[in-house]
Amino acid sequence: MSTSEFRAIIQKFAETYLKEAYNKYTLLSDAQSRFQSTQDIYQAAIKEGLILAQIPTCEGGTNEGMKYSMIMAEELYAVDPSVTLTILGTGLGLSPLLIFGTPLQKKQFLEPFLSKQGTPLASFVASEVGGNANWLDPSPTARGVQTFIEEDEDNHLLLSGEKIWATNSGGWTSRGPDLMCVVCRMKDSNTTPLSSMSIVIVTRSDIDANPPNAFTVVNDLEMIGHRATSGSHIKFTNLRIPVQNILCKPGTGAQATEMVFTGSACIVAAFSNGIMRTAFEKALFFAKTETRNGSHAIIHYQSVSDILLSIKTKLETSRGLASRAVQLLESHQLGELAYLAKIYSSESAIEVVADSMKVVGVDSYRMDFGFGQLMENALVLPIFDGGNVGVRRRQVQKMFESDQYDARTLLD
């Protein structure tokens, strides 16, 4: 399928299912109710193949490359970011399994996501209460990752710890999603965070086989934006899972986590492009149709057109940077531009929404104009999926510090 054909399919889905979603779920009073109210839309996404479109063809899906994921991310996020995160969050949740899973693990755990049936959710559960910016700090006084696995009898493991912010982690009924890939450490006081970091798979069946208090939702967070997204504070208490659920053995989990979040950096850039596109289109339409009681449309004032020019430049720069990042990531496994794209695009999105409001003027402060909703959602882009200050800029800094870094690597 060509990218233009795929884009048309995603645009049709967004127009059909997402356009009025915000007006409906915002009538509900709490985060979990709003999230649950989108289950029908998610089911439609399953039936329309939007989960399959995030699974490579070699694994039974329909994804032919990351550029298709980027199209989906921008087109859906431009219309409704909350539902988009749920749909794309499942893709992120499956990523560790798709990249690092054995054939047996893929056969065992992927099936619910290949059938176009039901509403299966997946979640990549990494973020810790207290933050992850220093998750690999080897200092004995650093807490780092506090989610641990330890050996139990009969080839089982016990998982304990608390996680927060992971999309879909609470599940539709607060009993967890169908599949979680959980970043954790092997419990051993003599190991460093790097040498003990692991990723394990937890399924809804695993949770159901444990006592009720082995998995709990501590809190469904009320967020500034993404009002219908599940990013719960969850807790594992001696949750018993089979040892075969180890996806990344201790010592390999950190590199695996970095790899997954390198790919997701590009997706956040696409989210940002969706926000910027919507803001630009709103501001441009207003400038071409409004005179503000003058003799001609305000697009003809240079001050207005200059702001619009700046907005469009940021949008297209972001698109180009993200596209190049995907190309280098898939062809040469180079992550530098992925990090730069995430940083530039996410921070530009906030600037673009603010500048678009300047074009419209005081009417942009009205709820029905939609700029408030855009800003609420844009605000999270620089601070989630690896915050730009605590994680993404430090990743690039580490590259620059290396004696092997070549500033001309990206020229060819």
Protein backbone atom coordinates (compact mmCIF):
# COMPACT_ATOMS: atom_id res chain seq x y z
CA MET A 1 0.00 0.00 0.00
CA SER A 2 1.31 3.46 -0.86
CA THR A 3 1.78 6.04 1.88
CA SER A 4 -0.88 8.28 0.31
CA GLU A 5 -3.41 5.42 0.32
CA PHE A 6 -2.56 4.63 3.93
CA ARG A 7 -2.88 8.29 4.93
CA ALA A 8 -6.33 8.44 3.35
CA ILE A 9 -7.45 5.40 5.37
CA ILE A 10 -6.21 6.91 8.64
CA GLN A 11 -7.77 10.28 7.85
CA LYS A 12 -11.11 8.59 7.22
CA PHE A 13 -10.89 6.75 10.53
CA ALA A 14 -10.07 9.98 12.37
CA GLU A 15 -12.95 11.82 10.71
CA THR A 16 -15.38 9.00 11.47
CA TYR A 17 -14.44 8.08 15.02
CA LEU A 18 -12.27 10.79 16.59
CA LYS A 19 -13.72 14.10 15.49
CA GLU A 20 -16.48 14.20 18.13
CA ALA A 21 -14.79 12.03 20.77
CA TYR A 22 -13.54 14.93 22.91
CA ASN A 23 -16.98 16.52 23.21
CA LYS A 24 -18.39 13.22 24.50
CA TYR A 25 -15.77 11.99 26.95
CA THR A 26 -15.22 15.38 28.57
CA LEU A 27 -18.77 15.20 29.89
CA LEU A 28 -17.61 12.45 32.25
CA SER A 29 -16.24 13.38 35.65
CA ASP A 30 -13.28 11.04 36.27
CA ALA A 31 -10.28 9.76 34.35
CA GLN A 32 -11.17 6.07 34.34
CA SER A 33 -14.72 6.72 33.11
CA ARG A 34 -13.43 8.90 30.29
CA PHE A 35 -10.91 6.22 29.31
CA GLN A 36 -13.53 3.47 29.41
CA SER A 37 -15.88 5.54 27.24
CA THR A 38 -13.38 5.31 24.37
CA GLN A 39 -13.40 1.49 24.29
CA ASP A 40 -15.84 1.41 21.36
CA ILE A 41 -13.52 3.65 19.35
CA TYR A 42 -10.60 1.40 20.22
CA GLN A 43 -12.61 -1.62 19.10
CA ALA A 44 -13.22 0.13 15.78
CA ALA A 45 -9.47 0.73 15.52
CA ILE A 46 -8.89 -3.00 16.06
CA LYS A 47 -11.42 -3.93 13.35
CA GLU A 48 -10.04 -1.33 10.93
CA GLY A 49 -6.55 -2.81 11.34
CA LEU A 50 -4.85 0.05 13.19
CA ILE A 51 -3.17 -2.32 15.66
CA LEU A 52 -2.10 -4.67 12.89
CA ALA A 53 -0.66 -1.62 11.13
CA GLN A 54 1.84 -1.29 14.00
CA ILE A 55 3.00 -4.92 13.78
CA PRO A 56 5.54 -5.82 11.06
CA THR A 57 4.38 -7.99 8.19
CA CYS A 58 6.95 -10.63 9.15
CA GLU A 59 5.14 -11.02 12.50
CA GLY A 60 1.64 -11.28 11.04
CA GLY A 61 0.81 -7.57 10.92
CA THR A 62 0.62 -5.12 8.03
CA ASN A 63 3.33 -2.58 8.91
CA GLU A 64 5.82 -2.10 6.06
CA GLY A 65 8.05 0.43 7.79
CA MET A 66 8.15 3.11 10.42
CA LYS A 67 7.03 5.81 7.98
CA TYR A 68 3.55 4.28 8.14
CA SER A 69 3.55 4.54 11.94
CA MET A 70 4.56 8.18 11.61
CA ILE A 71 1.63 8.86 9.28
CA MET A 72 -0.78 7.20 11.69
CA ALA A 73 0.61 9.13 14.65
CA GLU A 74 0.31 12.55 12.99
CA GLU A 75 -3.11 12.00 11.42
CA LEU A 76 -4.76 10.61 14.56
CA TYR A 77 -3.09 12.98 17.02
CA ALA A 78 -4.13 15.99 14.95
CA VAL A 79 -7.75 15.09 15.69
CA ASP A 80 -7.79 13.51 19.18
CA PRO A 81 -4.58 12.98 21.16
CA SER A 82 -6.19 10.97 23.98
CA VAL A 83 -7.51 8.12 21.86
CA THR A 84 -4.37 8.27 19.73
CA LEU A 85 -2.22 7.54 22.78
CA THR A 86 -4.33 4.51 23.60
CA ILE A 87 -3.99 3.13 20.07
CA LEU A 88 -0.29 3.95 19.65
CA GLY A 89 0.37 2.99 23.28
CA THR A 90 -0.50 -0.58 22.40
CA GLY A 91 2.03 -0.44 19.58
CA LEU A 92 4.66 0.82 22.02
CA GLY A 93 3.66 -1.85 24.53
CA LEU A 94 4.22 -4.57 21.94
CA SER A 95 7.56 -3.16 20.75
CA PRO A 96 9.81 -4.99 23.26
CA LEU A 97 8.11 -8.29 22.42
CA LEU A 98 8.40 -7.67 18.68
CA ILE A 99 12.07 -6.69 18.89
CA PHE A 100 13.42 -9.01 21.57
CA GLY A 101 10.90 -11.83 21.92
CA THR A 102 11.75 -15.40 20.99
CA PRO A 103 9.61 -17.13 18.34
CA LEU A 104 7.91 -19.07 21.13
CA GLN A 105 7.13 -15.88 23.10
CA LYS A 106 5.76 -14.15 20.03
CA LYS A 107 3.55 -17.13 19.25
CA GLN A 108 2.29 -17.20 22.84
CA PHE A 109 1.69 -13.50 23.44
CA LEU A 110 1.00 -11.83 20.08
CA GLU A 111 -2.12 -13.77 19.07
CA PRO A 112 -4.72 -11.48 20.74
CA PHE A 113 -3.34 -8.51 18.81
CA LEU A 114 -3.47 -10.25 15.41
CA SER A 115 -7.10 -11.36 15.38
CA LYS A 116 -9.02 -8.08 14.96
CA GLN A 117 -11.22 -9.26 17.82
CA GLY A 118 -12.01 -7.69 21.18
CA THR A 119 -10.15 -4.70 22.64
CA PRO A 120 -6.73 -6.01 23.75
CA LEU A 121 -4.39 -3.41 25.24
CA ALA A 122 -0.61 -3.49 25.60
CA SER A 123 1.61 -1.26 27.73
CA PHE A 124 5.34 -0.62 27.99
CA VAL A 125 5.73 -0.10 31.73
CA ALA A 126 8.96 1.74 32.42
CA SER A 127 8.43 4.97 34.40
CA GLU A 128 9.03 4.84 38.14
CA VAL A 129 7.41 6.85 40.90
CA GLY A 130 10.00 9.58 41.51
CA GLY A 131 11.23 9.67 37.90
CA ASN A 132 13.58 7.77 35.58
CA ALA A 133 16.16 10.39 34.61
CA ASN A 134 18.78 8.74 36.85
CA TRP A 135 17.64 5.15 36.47
CA LEU A 136 21.14 3.80 35.81
CA ASP A 137 22.97 5.82 38.48
CA PRO A 138 25.34 3.26 40.13
CA SER A 139 25.76 5.28 43.33
CA PRO A 140 24.72 3.30 46.43
CA THR A 141 22.62 6.26 47.56
CA ALA A 142 20.65 6.43 44.28
CA ARG A 143 17.27 4.69 44.31
CA GLY A 144 16.97 4.17 40.57
CA VAL A 145 14.51 1.53 39.42
CA GLN A 146 12.69 0.11 42.44
CA THR A 147 10.67 -2.54 40.63
CA PHE A 148 12.29 -5.93 41.25
CA ILE A 149 11.99 -9.55 40.26
CA GLU A 150 13.28 -12.39 42.39
CA GLU A 151 13.30 -16.14 41.96
CA ASP A 152 10.47 -18.17 43.43
CA GLU A 153 9.83 -21.90 43.47
CA ASP A 154 8.56 -23.99 40.55
CA ASN A 155 10.24 -21.89 37.82
CA HIS A 156 8.41 -18.71 38.75
CA LEU A 157 9.39 -15.14 39.58
CA LEU A 158 7.96 -12.62 42.02
CA LEU A 159 7.51 -9.07 40.72
CA SER A 160 7.19 -6.16 43.15
CA GLY A 161 7.28 -2.39 42.78
CA GLU A 162 5.33 0.66 41.67
CA LYS A 163 5.05 2.23 38.22
CA ILE A 164 3.39 5.37 36.92
CA TRP A 165 2.50 7.16 33.66
CA ALA A 166 2.66 4.07 31.39
CA THR A 167 -0.08 4.38 28.76
CA ASN A 168 -2.78 1.69 29.08
CA SER A 169 -1.24 0.24 32.25
CA GLY A 170 -4.48 0.34 34.25
CA GLY A 171 -6.50 -1.51 31.63
CA TRP A 172 -10.18 -1.12 30.84
CA THR A 173 -11.31 -2.48 34.23
CA SER A 174 -8.36 -1.44 36.44
CA ARG A 175 -7.07 -5.02 36.36
CA GLY A 176 -4.27 -4.30 33.93
CA PRO A 177 -3.97 -4.55 30.14
CA ASP A 178 -3.78 -7.80 28.19
CA LEU A 179 0.00 -7.51 28.01
CA MET A 180 2.63 -5.46 29.81
CA CYS A 181 6.35 -5.33 29.18
CA VAL A 182 7.72 -4.25 32.56
CA VAL A 183 11.18 -2.76 33.09
CA CYS A 184 12.58 -4.10 36.35
CA ARG A 185 15.75 -5.28 38.13
CA MET A 186 16.83 -8.68 39.38
CA LYS A 187 16.91 -8.41 43.16
CA ASP A 188 20.56 -8.79 44.14
CA SER A 189 22.35 -6.33 46.37
CA ASN A 190 25.70 -7.03 44.68
CA THR A 191 24.73 -5.88 41.20
CA THR A 192 24.61 -2.46 39.54
CA PRO A 193 21.44 -1.12 37.91
CA LEU A 194 22.95 -1.72 34.47
CA SER A 195 23.88 -5.34 35.15
CA SER A 196 20.55 -6.19 36.80
CA MET A 197 18.10 -4.42 34.47
CA SER A 198 15.58 -6.71 32.84
CA ILE A 199 12.21 -6.67 31.04
CA VAL A 200 9.49 -9.19 31.86
CA ILE A 201 6.10 -9.88 30.31
CA VAL A 202 2.98 -9.73 32.47
CA THR A 203 -0.36 -10.75 30.99
CA ARG A 204 -3.88 -10.28 32.22
CA SER A 205 -4.00 -14.04 32.73
CA ASP A 206 -0.99 -13.79 35.04
CA ILE A 207 -2.76 -11.10 37.06
CA ASP A 208 -5.96 -13.14 37.26
CA ALA A 209 -4.00 -16.15 38.53
CA ASN A 210 -2.67 -14.12 41.47
CA PRO A 211 -4.37 -12.81 44.62
CA PRO A 212 -6.29 -9.54 44.04
CA ASN A 213 -3.69 -7.42 45.86
CA ALA A 214 -0.82 -8.68 43.68
CA PHE A 215 -1.76 -6.03 41.11
CA THR A 216 -3.57 -2.83 42.04
CA VAL A 217 -4.25 0.55 40.52
CA VAL A 218 -3.21 3.05 43.17
CA ASN A 219 -4.56 6.07 41.32
CA ASP A 220 -5.99 6.99 37.94
CA LEU A 221 -4.23 10.29 37.37
CA GLU A 222 -6.17 13.42 36.45
CA MET A 223 -3.98 15.12 33.87
CA ILE A 224 -3.92 18.61 32.36
CA GLY A 225 -4.43 17.17 28.88
CA HIS A 226 -5.06 13.73 27.39
CA ARG A 227 -8.18 13.60 29.50
CA ALA A 228 -9.26 10.14 28.29
CA THR A 229 -5.91 8.37 28.47
CA SER A 230 -4.91 5.71 31.00
CA GLY A 231 -1.57 6.58 32.63
CA SER A 232 -2.19 5.03 36.01
CA HIS A 233 -0.09 4.67 39.13
CA ILE A 234 0.06 0.88 39.53
CA LYS A 235 1.57 -1.47 42.10
CA PHE A 236 2.89 -5.04 41.93
CA THR A 237 3.09 -6.97 45.20
CA ASN A 238 4.78 -10.36 44.82
CA LEU A 239 3.01 -10.90 41.51
CA ARG A 240 3.91 -14.44 40.48
CA ILE A 241 4.83 -14.97 36.82
CA PRO A 242 6.45 -17.88 34.94
CA VAL A 243 10.20 -17.61 34.43
CA GLN A 244 9.49 -18.01 30.70
CA ASN A 245 8.08 -14.48 30.83
CA ILE A 246 11.57 -13.01 31.00
CA LEU A 247 11.85 -11.03 27.76
CA CYS A 248 15.25 -9.44 28.36
CA LYS A 249 17.58 -11.19 30.78
CA PRO A 250 19.25 -9.21 33.59
CA GLY A 251 21.99 -7.07 32.09
CA THR A 252 20.23 -6.61 28.74
CA GLY A 253 17.16 -4.65 29.84
CA ALA A 254 18.73 -1.20 29.84
CA GLN A 255 19.93 -1.36 26.24
CA ALA A 256 16.59 -2.82 25.17
CA THR A 257 14.68 -0.02 26.90
CA GLU A 258 16.88 2.61 25.25
CA MET A 259 16.23 1.02 21.86
CA VAL A 260 12.47 1.04 22.30
CA PHE A 261 12.43 4.66 23.43
CA THR A 262 14.68 5.69 20.53
CA GLY A 263 11.97 4.59 18.11
CA SER A 264 9.23 6.21 20.16
CA ALA A 265 11.09 9.54 20.03
CA CYS A 266 10.17 9.71 16.34
CA ILE A 267 6.54 8.96 17.16
CA VAL A 268 6.43 11.88 19.62
CA ALA A 269 7.81 14.10 16.84
CA ALA A 270 4.88 12.96 14.68
CA PHE A 271 2.45 13.73 17.53
CA SER A 272 3.97 17.20 17.69
CA ASN A 273 3.49 17.64 13.96
CA GLY A 274 -0.18 16.78 14.36
CA ILE A 275 -0.62 19.47 17.01
CA MET A 276 1.27 22.05 14.94
CA ARG A 277 -0.69 21.23 11.80
CA THR A 278 -4.03 21.68 13.53
CA ALA A 279 -2.92 24.95 15.15
CA PHE A 280 -1.60 26.29 11.86
CA GLU A 281 -4.76 25.37 9.94
CA LYS A 282 -6.95 27.06 12.55
CA ALA A 283 -4.84 30.23 12.52
CA LEU A 284 -4.59 30.33 8.72
CA PHE A 285 -8.35 29.91 8.26
CA PHE A 286 -9.01 32.66 10.78
CA ALA A 287 -6.51 35.01 9.11
CA LYS A 288 -8.04 34.48 5.66
CA THR A 289 -11.67 34.84 6.74
CA GLU A 290 -11.60 37.48 9.50
CA THR A 291 -11.29 41.23 9.00
CA ARG A 292 -11.58 42.09 12.71
CA ASN A 293 -13.88 44.90 11.65
CA GLY A 294 -11.37 46.20 9.15
CA SER A 295 -11.57 46.53 5.38
CA HIS A 296 -9.78 43.28 4.45
CA ALA A 297 -8.79 39.92 5.86
CA ILE A 298 -5.98 40.09 8.44
CA ILE A 299 -3.83 37.74 6.32
CA HIS A 300 -2.91 40.87 4.36
CA TYR A 301 -1.18 42.42 7.37
CA GLN A 302 2.53 41.64 7.33
CA SER A 303 2.72 41.07 11.08
CA VAL A 304 0.12 38.29 10.82
CA SER A 305 1.66 36.67 7.76
CA ASP A 306 5.11 36.72 9.35
CA ILE A 307 3.83 34.76 12.33
CA LEU A 308 2.14 32.26 10.02
CA LEU A 309 5.35 31.92 8.03
CA SER A 310 7.29 31.18 11.21
CA ILE A 311 4.72 28.58 12.27
CA LYS A 312 4.80 26.79 8.90
CA THR A 313 8.59 26.78 8.89
CA LYS A 314 8.69 25.09 12.29
CA LEU A 315 6.12 22.52 11.17
CA GLU A 316 7.93 21.60 7.96
CA THR A 317 11.34 21.61 9.69
CA SER A 318 9.94 19.22 12.25
CA ARG A 319 8.47 16.97 9.56
CA GLY A 320 11.73 16.89 7.64
CA LEU A 321 13.79 16.20 10.74
CA ALA A 322 11.47 13.40 11.85
CA SER A 323 11.44 11.83 8.37
CA ARG A 324 15.23 11.86 8.18
CA ALA A 325 15.41 10.44 11.71
CA VAL A 326 13.24 7.47 10.72
CA GLN A 327 15.33 6.88 7.62
CA LEU A 328 18.61 6.81 9.57
CA LEU A 329 17.16 4.73 12.37
CA GLU A 330 15.87 2.03 10.02
CA SER A 331 18.84 1.99 7.64
CA HIS A 332 21.80 2.53 9.99
CA GLN A 333 20.41 2.20 13.55
CA LEU A 334 21.50 5.80 14.23
CA GLY A 335 19.46 7.41 17.01
CA GLU A 336 20.89 10.92 17.18
CA LEU A 337 18.33 12.52 14.87
CA ALA A 338 15.51 10.68 16.62
CA TYR A 339 16.44 12.42 19.87
CA LEU A 340 16.90 15.78 18.13
CA ALA A 341 13.56 15.39 16.36
CA LYS A 342 11.80 14.67 19.63
CA ILE A 343 13.38 17.68 21.32
CA TYR A 344 12.84 20.16 18.49
CA SER A 345 9.35 19.06 17.51
CA SER A 346 7.91 18.80 21.02
CA GLU A 347 9.18 22.20 22.08
CA SER A 348 8.15 23.78 18.78
CA ALA A 349 4.60 22.47 19.26
CA ILE A 350 4.08 24.61 22.36
CA GLU A 351 5.54 27.65 20.59
CA VAL A 352 3.35 27.08 17.53
CA VAL A 353 0.13 26.85 19.55
CA ALA A 354 1.04 30.07 21.41
CA ASP A 355 1.91 31.86 18.15
CA SER A 356 -1.31 30.66 16.52
CA MET A 357 -3.24 32.19 19.40
CA LYS A 358 -1.45 35.48 18.74
CA VAL A 359 -2.76 35.44 15.17
CA VAL A 360 -6.34 34.85 16.31
CA GLY A 361 -6.13 37.22 19.25
CA VAL A 362 -8.36 37.18 22.30
CA ASP A 363 -10.98 34.91 20.69
CA SER A 364 -8.40 32.11 20.84
CA TYR A 365 -8.95 32.10 24.60
CA ARG A 366 -12.50 30.84 24.08
CA MET A 367 -13.02 27.16 24.84
CA ASP A 368 -14.91 26.54 21.60
CA PHE A 369 -11.97 27.72 19.48
CA GLY A 370 -9.95 24.67 20.60
CA PHE A 371 -6.61 26.31 21.26
CA GLY A 372 -6.83 25.59 24.97
CA GLN A 373 -7.23 21.88 24.23
CA LEU A 374 -4.26 22.01 21.84
CA MET A 375 -2.07 23.66 24.46
CA GLU A 376 -3.13 21.24 27.21
CA ASN A 377 -2.02 18.33 25.06
CA ALA A 378 1.11 20.01 23.66
CA LEU A 379 2.45 20.74 27.14
CA VAL A 380 3.24 17.08 27.79
CA LEU A 381 5.25 16.52 24.61
CA PRO A 382 8.61 17.79 25.93
CA ILE A 383 8.23 16.05 29.28
CA PHE A 384 6.98 12.53 28.51
CA ASP A 385 8.54 9.62 26.63
CA GLY A 386 11.86 10.63 28.15
CA GLY A 387 11.72 14.26 29.22
CA ASN A 388 13.85 16.57 27.10
CA VAL A 389 15.76 17.98 30.08
CA GLY A 390 16.30 14.83 32.12
CA VAL A 391 16.69 12.26 29.32
CA ARG A 392 16.71 13.32 25.66
CA ARG A 393 19.24 16.16 25.87
CA ARG A 394 21.44 13.96 28.05
CA GLN A 395 21.35 11.22 25.41
CA VAL A 396 22.68 13.65 22.80
CA GLN A 397 25.20 15.09 25.28
CA LYS A 398 26.56 11.59 25.89
CA MET A 399 27.07 11.16 22.14
CA PHE A 400 28.89 14.47 21.88
CA GLU A 401 31.17 13.53 24.78
CA SER A 402 32.34 10.32 23.12
CA ASP A 403 35.80 10.32 21.53
CA GLN A 404 34.27 8.31 18.67
CA TYR A 405 31.64 10.93 17.85
CA ASP A 406 31.89 12.22 14.28
CA ALA A 407 30.00 15.44 13.60
CA ARG A 408 29.85 14.52 9.90
CA THR A 409 28.28 11.09 10.32
CA LEU A 410 24.86 12.31 9.18
CA LEU A 411 26.08 13.97 5.97
CA ASP A 412 25.76 10.91 3.73
